[in-house]
Amino acid sequence: GYQLREKLYYPRLPLNRTTLTARQTDNRQLFNSAGFSRLLVIWGITLIAALICLGVTLLLIERSKRVMLPIAPPLLPTAANPSDTPPEPQEVNLFLLDATTLTLVPIKTERRLHRELAPRLSQVVRALIQETPPNFRNTIPRGTELNEVYIDSQQTAYLDFSSHLTNGHIGGTTAEFLTVTAILKTVFDAFPDDIKQVQILIDGEEVKTIAGHLNLSQPLRLPE
């Protein structure tokens, strides 16, 4: 019985120093190996996290650069050039012959006149030539054209008409007087301060008369 118990309990007897030391060494190696593996895992995770943080940081920096790029200020609206804006319509009196009373009367019309004097004068005279409302007669022969206008330093306006002003005229002292007076009244009414006298030309040349009755060789003014 003693031998059986000795065999049964023998494996549970304390280990000797050499065996214990060997087992401790194996345990330490096993522990060190497992710890090193865990350390590698931690380092790997840390490295990956650092790379992710670095990538995010670089991305944010790049976006901030794009956002903070200097933006050119918007162009300020430029002041409108007065010459580019169309002029307001102005009232102009065109002197035409009343068919009932046979007298020259002012007919009001609205025109967008040029700002400069010579073009404005040309617009007014051309309007007189073309205007013939009902119940009125134009004392300038139909088909007459205004070639050009000039204004000198003495405030003399030179009106250069086509030859139809003389060739197409009906003739007669009264008719010639009404033609010249209609031109003068229209011009002086529209430009009381800018034009003092008017010289009538035909195709660029001075003429003595339109129909042989009035002297047109000198600049004309309206009677006082």
C-alpha atoms as a PDB file:
ATOM      1  CA  GLY A   1       0.000   0.000   0.000  1.00  0.00           C
ATOM      2  CA  TYR A   2       2.760   2.403   0.728  1.00  0.00           C
ATOM      3  CA  GLN A   3       4.382   1.790  -2.614  1.00  0.00           C
ATOM      4  CA  LEU A   4       1.071   2.396  -4.400  1.00  0.00           C
ATOM      5  CA  ARG A   5       0.492   5.624  -2.565  1.00  0.00           C
ATOM      6  CA  GLU A   6       4.049   6.656  -3.310  1.00  0.00           C
ATOM      7  CA  LYS A   7       3.484   6.052  -7.017  1.00  0.00           C
ATOM      8  CA  LEU A   8       0.172   7.852  -6.975  1.00  0.00           C
ATOM      9  CA  TYR A   9       1.380  10.923  -5.145  1.00  0.00           C
ATOM     10  CA  TYR A  10       4.840  11.091  -6.565  1.00  0.00           C
ATOM     11  CA  PRO A  11       3.965  13.370  -9.481  1.00  0.00           C
ATOM     12  CA  ARG A  12       2.597  15.947  -7.016  1.00  0.00           C
ATOM     13  CA  LEU A  13       5.889  16.187  -5.125  1.00  0.00           C
ATOM     14  CA  PRO A  14       7.574  19.599  -5.300  1.00  0.00           C
ATOM     15  CA  LEU A  15       9.769  20.219  -8.332  1.00  0.00           C
ATOM     16  CA  ASN A  16      13.491  20.524  -7.892  1.00  0.00           C
ATOM     17  CA  ARG A  17      15.277  23.875  -8.426  1.00  0.00           C
ATOM     18  CA  THR A  18      16.511  23.030 -11.942  1.00  0.00           C
ATOM     19  CA  THR A  19      13.088  22.122 -13.238  1.00  0.00           C
ATOM     20  CA  LEU A  20      11.512  25.149 -11.597  1.00  0.00           C
ATOM     21  CA  THR A  21      14.080  27.449 -13.089  1.00  0.00           C
ATOM     22  CA  ALA A  22      13.550  25.965 -16.543  1.00  0.00           C
ATOM     23  CA  ARG A  23       9.823  26.388 -16.279  1.00  0.00           C
ATOM     24  CA  GLN A  24      10.170  29.966 -15.090  1.00  0.00           C
ATOM     25  CA  THR A  25      12.452  30.680 -18.018  1.00  0.00           C
ATOM     26  CA  ASP A  26       9.936  29.206 -20.449  1.00  0.00           C
ATOM     27  CA  ASN A  27       7.152  31.252 -18.878  1.00  0.00           C
ATOM     28  CA  ARG A  28       9.202  34.432 -19.125  1.00  0.00           C
ATOM     29  CA  GLN A  29      10.015  33.753 -22.760  1.00  0.00           C
ATOM     30  CA  LEU A  30       6.362  33.042 -23.445  1.00  0.00           C
ATOM     31  CA  PHE A  31       5.347  36.232 -21.623  1.00  0.00           C
ATOM     32  CA  ASN A  32       7.997  38.269 -23.383  1.00  0.00           C
ATOM     33  CA  SER A  33       6.922  36.898 -26.774  1.00  0.00           C
ATOM     34  CA  ALA A  34       3.253  37.683 -26.136  1.00  0.00           C
ATOM     35  CA  GLY A  35       4.086  41.143 -24.782  1.00  0.00           C
ATOM     36  CA  PHE A  36       6.215  41.940 -27.791  1.00  0.00           C
ATOM     37  CA  SER A  37       3.391  40.908 -30.094  1.00  0.00           C
ATOM     38  CA  ARG A  38       0.958  43.125 -28.224  1.00  0.00           C
ATOM     39  CA  LEU A  39       3.476  45.945 -28.391  1.00  0.00           C
ATOM     40  CA  LEU A  40       3.780  45.514 -32.139  1.00  0.00           C
ATOM     41  CA  VAL A  41       0.008  45.651 -32.451  1.00  0.00           C
ATOM     42  CA  ILE A  42      -0.135  48.831 -30.350  1.00  0.00           C
ATOM     43  CA  TRP A  43       2.644  50.425 -32.380  1.00  0.00           C
ATOM     44  CA  GLY A  44       0.876  49.481 -35.598  1.00  0.00           C
ATOM     45  CA  ILE A  45      -2.412  50.958 -34.432  1.00  0.00           C
ATOM     46  CA  THR A  46      -0.627  54.089 -33.222  1.00  0.00           C
ATOM     47  CA  LEU A  47       1.193  54.448 -36.534  1.00  0.00           C
ATOM     48  CA  ILE A  48      -2.009  54.017 -38.531  1.00  0.00           C
ATOM     49  CA  ALA A  49      -3.797  56.563 -36.328  1.00  0.00           C
ATOM     50  CA  ALA A  50      -0.897  58.985 -36.757  1.00  0.00           C
ATOM     51  CA  LEU A  51      -0.997  58.566 -40.531  1.00  0.00           C
ATOM     52  CA  ILE A  52      -4.752  59.146 -40.566  1.00  0.00           C
ATOM     53  CA  CYS A  53      -4.363  62.283 -38.424  1.00  0.00           C
ATOM     54  CA  LEU A  54      -1.596  63.506 -40.693  1.00  0.00           C
ATOM     55  CA  GLY A  55      -3.729  62.931 -43.786  1.00  0.00           C
ATOM     56  CA  VAL A  56      -6.702  64.722 -42.245  1.00  0.00           C
ATOM     57  CA  THR A  57      -4.470  67.612 -41.190  1.00  0.00           C
ATOM     58  CA  LEU A  58      -2.984  67.963 -44.674  1.00  0.00           C
ATOM     59  CA  LEU A  59      -6.455  67.834 -46.202  1.00  0.00           C
ATOM     60  CA  LEU A  60      -7.709  70.564 -43.865  1.00  0.00           C
ATOM     61  CA  ILE A  61      -4.673  72.714 -44.621  1.00  0.00           C
ATOM     62  CA  GLU A  62      -5.227  72.328 -48.357  1.00  0.00           C
ATOM     63  CA  ARG A  63      -8.894  73.235 -48.022  1.00  0.00           C
ATOM     64  CA  SER A  64      -8.082  76.231 -45.862  1.00  0.00           C
ATOM     65  CA  LYS A  65      -5.655  77.430 -48.520  1.00  0.00           C
ATOM     66  CA  ARG A  66      -8.379  77.179 -51.130  1.00  0.00           C
ATOM     67  CA  VAL A  67     -10.873  78.989 -48.960  1.00  0.00           C
ATOM     68  CA  MET A  68      -8.471  81.743 -47.952  1.00  0.00           C
ATOM     69  CA  LEU A  69      -7.210  82.525 -51.408  1.00  0.00           C
ATOM     70  CA  PRO A  70      -7.552  86.275 -51.984  1.00  0.00           C
ATOM     71  CA  ILE A  71     -10.669  87.085 -53.949  1.00  0.00           C
ATOM     72  CA  ALA A  72     -10.604  90.036 -56.271  1.00  0.00           C
ATOM     73  CA  PRO A  73     -13.017  92.735 -55.114  1.00  0.00           C
ATOM     74  CA  PRO A  74     -16.085  93.197 -57.293  1.00  0.00           C
ATOM     75  CA  LEU A  75     -15.846  95.840 -59.953  1.00  0.00           C
ATOM     76  CA  LEU A  76     -17.433  99.058 -58.859  1.00  0.00           C
ATOM     77  CA  PRO A  77     -20.106 100.416 -61.178  1.00  0.00           C
ATOM     78  CA  THR A  78     -18.661 103.110 -63.369  1.00  0.00           C
ATOM     79  CA  ALA A  79     -20.382 106.409 -63.589  1.00  0.00           C
ATOM     80  CA  ALA A  80     -22.528 106.700 -66.654  1.00  0.00           C
ATOM     81  CA  ASN A  81     -21.130 108.926 -69.336  1.00  0.00           C
ATOM     82  CA  PRO A  82     -23.638 111.742 -69.923  1.00  0.00           C
ATOM     83  CA  SER A  83     -23.017 111.470 -73.663  1.00  0.00           C
ATOM     84  CA  ASP A  84     -24.192 107.818 -73.584  1.00  0.00           C
ATOM     85  CA  THR A  85     -27.614 108.596 -72.141  1.00  0.00           C
ATOM     86  CA  PRO A  86     -30.282 109.642 -74.644  1.00  0.00           C
ATOM     87  CA  PRO A  87     -31.445 113.246 -74.241  1.00  0.00           C
ATOM     88  CA  GLU A  88     -34.894 114.011 -72.948  1.00  0.00           C
ATOM     89  CA  PRO A  89     -37.526 115.045 -75.509  1.00  0.00           C
ATOM     90  CA  GLN A  90     -37.789 118.809 -75.947  1.00  0.00           C
ATOM     91  CA  GLU A  91     -40.589 120.925 -77.330  1.00  0.00           C
ATOM     92  CA  VAL A  92     -39.836 122.643 -80.627  1.00  0.00           C
ATOM     93  CA  ASN A  93     -42.023 125.154 -82.458  1.00  0.00           C
ATOM     94  CA  LEU A  94     -42.185 124.606 -86.205  1.00  0.00           C
ATOM     95  CA  PHE A  95     -43.766 127.526 -88.093  1.00  0.00           C
ATOM     96  CA  LEU A  96     -46.226 126.319 -90.728  1.00  0.00           C
ATOM     97  CA  LEU A  97     -48.897 128.003 -92.803  1.00  0.00           C
ATOM     98  CA  ASP A  98     -52.448 127.819 -91.476  1.00  0.00           C
ATOM     99  CA  ALA A  99     -54.561 126.891 -94.477  1.00  0.00           C
ATOM    100  CA  THR A 100     -57.523 128.888 -93.151  1.00  0.00           C
ATOM    101  CA  THR A 101     -55.926 132.145 -92.044  1.00  0.00           C
ATOM    102  CA  LEU A 102     -52.910 131.963 -94.393  1.00  0.00           C
ATOM    103  CA  THR A 103     -50.618 132.982 -91.566  1.00  0.00           C
ATOM    104  CA  LEU A 104     -47.585 131.276 -90.053  1.00  0.00           C
ATOM    105  CA  VAL A 105     -48.368 129.631 -86.725  1.00  0.00           C
ATOM    106  CA  PRO A 106     -46.131 127.630 -84.357  1.00  0.00           C
ATOM    107  CA  ILE A 107     -46.828 123.901 -84.270  1.00  0.00           C
ATOM    108  CA  LYS A 108     -45.425 122.230 -81.159  1.00  0.00           C
ATOM    109  CA  THR A 109     -43.570 118.956 -81.558  1.00  0.00           C
ATOM    110  CA  GLU A 110     -41.282 116.932 -79.312  1.00  0.00           C
ATOM    111  CA  ARG A 111     -37.803 115.943 -80.460  1.00  0.00           C
ATOM    112  CA  ARG A 112     -34.772 114.330 -78.842  1.00  0.00           C
ATOM    113  CA  LEU A 113     -32.268 117.013 -79.745  1.00  0.00           C
ATOM    114  CA  HIS A 114     -28.511 116.602 -79.877  1.00  0.00           C
ATOM    115  CA  ARG A 115     -26.483 118.258 -77.123  1.00  0.00           C
ATOM    116  CA  GLU A 116     -24.188 120.093 -79.533  1.00  0.00           C
ATOM    117  CA  LEU A 117     -25.470 123.228 -81.209  1.00  0.00           C
ATOM    118  CA  ALA A 118     -24.834 122.504 -84.907  1.00  0.00           C
ATOM    119  CA  PRO A 119     -26.373 118.992 -84.915  1.00  0.00           C
ATOM    120  CA  ARG A 120     -29.301 120.320 -82.878  1.00  0.00           C
ATOM    121  CA  LEU A 121     -29.887 123.101 -85.421  1.00  0.00           C
ATOM    122  CA  SER A 122     -29.774 120.551 -88.223  1.00  0.00           C
ATOM    123  CA  GLN A 123     -32.415 118.446 -86.457  1.00  0.00           C
ATOM    124  CA  VAL A 124     -34.761 121.414 -86.047  1.00  0.00           C
ATOM    125  CA  VAL A 125     -34.495 122.587 -89.672  1.00  0.00           C
ATOM    126  CA  ARG A 126     -34.960 119.043 -91.012  1.00  0.00           C
ATOM    127  CA  ALA A 127     -38.051 118.695 -88.809  1.00  0.00           C
ATOM    128  CA  LEU A 128     -39.437 121.893 -90.353  1.00  0.00           C
ATOM    129  CA  ILE A 129     -38.842 120.566 -93.870  1.00  0.00           C
ATOM    130  CA  GLN A 130     -40.572 117.242 -93.178  1.00  0.00           C
ATOM    131  CA  GLU A 131     -43.512 118.369 -91.026  1.00  0.00           C
ATOM    132  CA  THR A 132     -46.900 118.807 -92.710  1.00  0.00           C
ATOM    133  CA  PRO A 133     -49.808 118.051 -90.328  1.00  0.00           C
ATOM    134  CA  PRO A 134     -53.437 118.163 -91.515  1.00  0.00           C
ATOM    135  CA  ASN A 135     -54.916 121.624 -92.192  1.00  0.00           C
ATOM    136  CA  PHE A 136     -51.438 123.137 -92.498  1.00  0.00           C
ATOM    137  CA  ARG A 137     -49.109 123.780 -95.407  1.00  0.00           C
ATOM    138  CA  ASN A 138     -45.360 123.708 -95.471  1.00  0.00           C
ATOM    139  CA  THR A 139     -43.938 126.794 -97.180  1.00  0.00           C
ATOM    140  CA  ILE A 140     -40.754 124.879 -98.090  1.00  0.00           C
ATOM    141  CA  PRO A 141     -41.135 122.940-101.368  1.00  0.00           C
ATOM    142  CA  ARG A 142     -41.657 119.229-100.851  1.00  0.00           C
ATOM    143  CA  GLY A 143     -38.479 117.323-101.669  1.00  0.00           C
ATOM    144  CA  THR A 144     -36.110 120.022-100.426  1.00  0.00           C
ATOM    145  CA  GLU A 145     -33.194 118.678 -98.406  1.00  0.00           C
ATOM    146  CA  LEU A 146     -30.826 120.254 -95.908  1.00  0.00           C
ATOM    147  CA  ASN A 147     -27.258 119.494 -96.962  1.00  0.00           C
ATOM    148  CA  GLU A 148     -25.347 120.959 -94.044  1.00  0.00           C
ATOM    149  CA  VAL A 149     -25.335 123.646 -91.355  1.00  0.00           C
ATOM    150  CA  TYR A 150     -22.516 125.846 -90.080  1.00  0.00           C
ATOM    151  CA  ILE A 151     -22.320 128.304 -87.202  1.00  0.00           C
ATOM    152  CA  ASP A 152     -19.486 130.833 -87.038  1.00  0.00           C
ATOM    153  CA  SER A 153     -18.044 132.792 -84.133  1.00  0.00           C
ATOM    154  CA  GLN A 154     -20.431 135.699 -84.839  1.00  0.00           C
ATOM    155  CA  GLN A 155     -23.392 133.387 -84.154  1.00  0.00           C
ATOM    156  CA  THR A 156     -24.360 133.350 -87.813  1.00  0.00           C
ATOM    157  CA  ALA A 157     -26.017 130.114 -88.890  1.00  0.00           C
ATOM    158  CA  TYR A 158     -25.436 129.013 -92.482  1.00  0.00           C
ATOM    159  CA  LEU A 159     -28.192 126.749 -93.786  1.00  0.00           C
ATOM    160  CA  ASP A 160     -27.185 124.912 -96.958  1.00  0.00           C
ATOM    161  CA  PHE A 161     -30.286 123.661 -98.808  1.00  0.00           C
ATOM    162  CA  SER A 162     -30.551 121.581-101.964  1.00  0.00           C
ATOM    163  CA  SER A 163     -31.359 123.351-105.233  1.00  0.00           C
ATOM    164  CA  HIS A 164     -34.973 122.144-104.999  1.00  0.00           C
ATOM    165  CA  LEU A 165     -35.616 125.047-102.619  1.00  0.00           C
ATOM    166  CA  THR A 166     -35.399 127.366-105.627  1.00  0.00           C
ATOM    167  CA  ASN A 167     -36.276 125.036-108.498  1.00  0.00           C
ATOM    168  CA  GLY A 168     -39.392 123.674-106.783  1.00  0.00           C
ATOM    169  CA  HIS A 169     -40.687 126.957-105.391  1.00  0.00           C
ATOM    170  CA  ILE A 170     -44.130 128.129-106.564  1.00  0.00           C
ATOM    171  CA  GLY A 171     -42.881 131.716-106.878  1.00  0.00           C
ATOM    172  CA  GLY A 172     -44.473 134.998-105.942  1.00  0.00           C
ATOM    173  CA  THR A 173     -43.524 137.636-103.423  1.00  0.00           C
ATOM    174  CA  THR A 174     -45.869 136.391-100.697  1.00  0.00           C
ATOM    175  CA  ALA A 175     -44.877 132.749-101.096  1.00  0.00           C
ATOM    176  CA  GLU A 176     -41.164 133.599-101.030  1.00  0.00           C
ATOM    177  CA  PHE A 177     -41.664 135.832 -97.983  1.00  0.00           C
ATOM    178  CA  LEU A 178     -43.520 133.044 -96.145  1.00  0.00           C
ATOM    179  CA  THR A 179     -40.797 130.515 -96.977  1.00  0.00           C
ATOM    180  CA  VAL A 180     -37.975 132.687 -95.652  1.00  0.00           C
ATOM    181  CA  THR A 181     -39.979 133.822 -92.606  1.00  0.00           C
ATOM    182  CA  ALA A 182     -40.907 130.239 -91.659  1.00  0.00           C
ATOM    183  CA  ILE A 183     -37.212 129.293 -91.656  1.00  0.00           C
ATOM    184  CA  LEU A 184     -36.137 132.335 -89.642  1.00  0.00           C
ATOM    185  CA  LYS A 185     -38.923 132.080 -87.044  1.00  0.00           C
ATOM    186  CA  THR A 186     -38.300 128.373 -86.474  1.00  0.00           C
ATOM    187  CA  VAL A 187     -34.541 128.875 -86.007  1.00  0.00           C
ATOM    188  CA  PHE A 188     -34.715 131.960 -83.786  1.00  0.00           C
ATOM    189  CA  ASP A 189     -37.496 130.500 -81.627  1.00  0.00           C
ATOM    190  CA  ALA A 190     -35.440 127.349 -80.972  1.00  0.00           C
ATOM    191  CA  PHE A 191     -32.094 129.136 -80.465  1.00  0.00           C
ATOM    192  CA  PRO A 192     -32.801 132.640 -79.130  1.00  0.00           C
ATOM    193  CA  ASP A 193     -29.427 132.975 -77.398  1.00  0.00           C
ATOM    194  CA  ASP A 194     -27.190 130.953 -79.704  1.00  0.00           C
ATOM    195  CA  ILE A 195     -28.030 132.249 -83.186  1.00  0.00           C
ATOM    196  CA  LYS A 196     -28.273 135.928 -84.143  1.00  0.00           C
ATOM    197  CA  GLN A 197     -28.662 135.747 -87.923  1.00  0.00           C
ATOM    198  CA  VAL A 198     -29.162 133.232 -90.727  1.00  0.00           C
ATOM    199  CA  GLN A 199     -27.550 132.944 -94.154  1.00  0.00           C
ATOM    200  CA  ILE A 200     -29.366 130.775 -96.698  1.00  0.00           C
ATOM    201  CA  LEU A 201     -27.158 128.836 -99.138  1.00  0.00           C
ATOM    202  CA  ILE A 202     -28.026 126.625-102.101  1.00  0.00           C
ATOM    203  CA  ASP A 203     -25.699 123.662-102.639  1.00  0.00           C
ATOM    204  CA  GLY A 204     -22.946 125.450-100.737  1.00  0.00           C
ATOM    205  CA  GLU A 205     -23.206 128.731-102.652  1.00  0.00           C
ATOM    206  CA  GLU A 206     -24.632 132.114-101.695  1.00  0.00           C
ATOM    207  CA  VAL A 207     -27.807 133.069-103.549  1.00  0.00           C
ATOM    208  CA  LYS A 208     -29.365 136.437-104.179  1.00  0.00           C
ATOM    209  CA  THR A 209     -32.938 135.209-104.017  1.00  0.00           C
ATOM    210  CA  ILE A 210     -35.188 132.135-103.933  1.00  0.00           C
ATOM    211  CA  ALA A 211     -37.925 133.270-106.307  1.00  0.00           C
ATOM    212  CA  GLY A 212     -36.624 136.660-107.480  1.00  0.00           C
ATOM    213  CA  HIS A 213     -38.265 138.947-104.919  1.00  0.00           C
ATOM    214  CA  LEU A 214     -36.267 138.916-101.646  1.00  0.00           C
ATOM    215  CA  ASN A 215     -32.567 139.712-101.328  1.00  0.00           C
ATOM    216  CA  LEU A 216     -30.814 136.768 -99.639  1.00  0.00           C
ATOM    217  CA  SER A 217     -27.236 137.791-100.380  1.00  0.00           C
ATOM    218  CA  GLN A 218     -26.696 138.896 -96.761  1.00  0.00           C
ATOM    219  CA  PRO A 219     -27.394 137.190 -93.422  1.00  0.00           C
ATOM    220  CA  LEU A 220     -30.976 137.739 -92.321  1.00  0.00           C
ATOM    221  CA  ARG A 221     -32.612 138.722 -89.056  1.00  0.00           C
ATOM    222  CA  LEU A 222     -36.220 138.982 -88.075  1.00  0.00           C
ATOM    223  CA  PRO A 223     -37.626 142.504 -88.016  1.00  0.00           C
ATOM    224  CA  GLU A 224     -37.578 144.062 -84.553  1.00  0.00           C
END
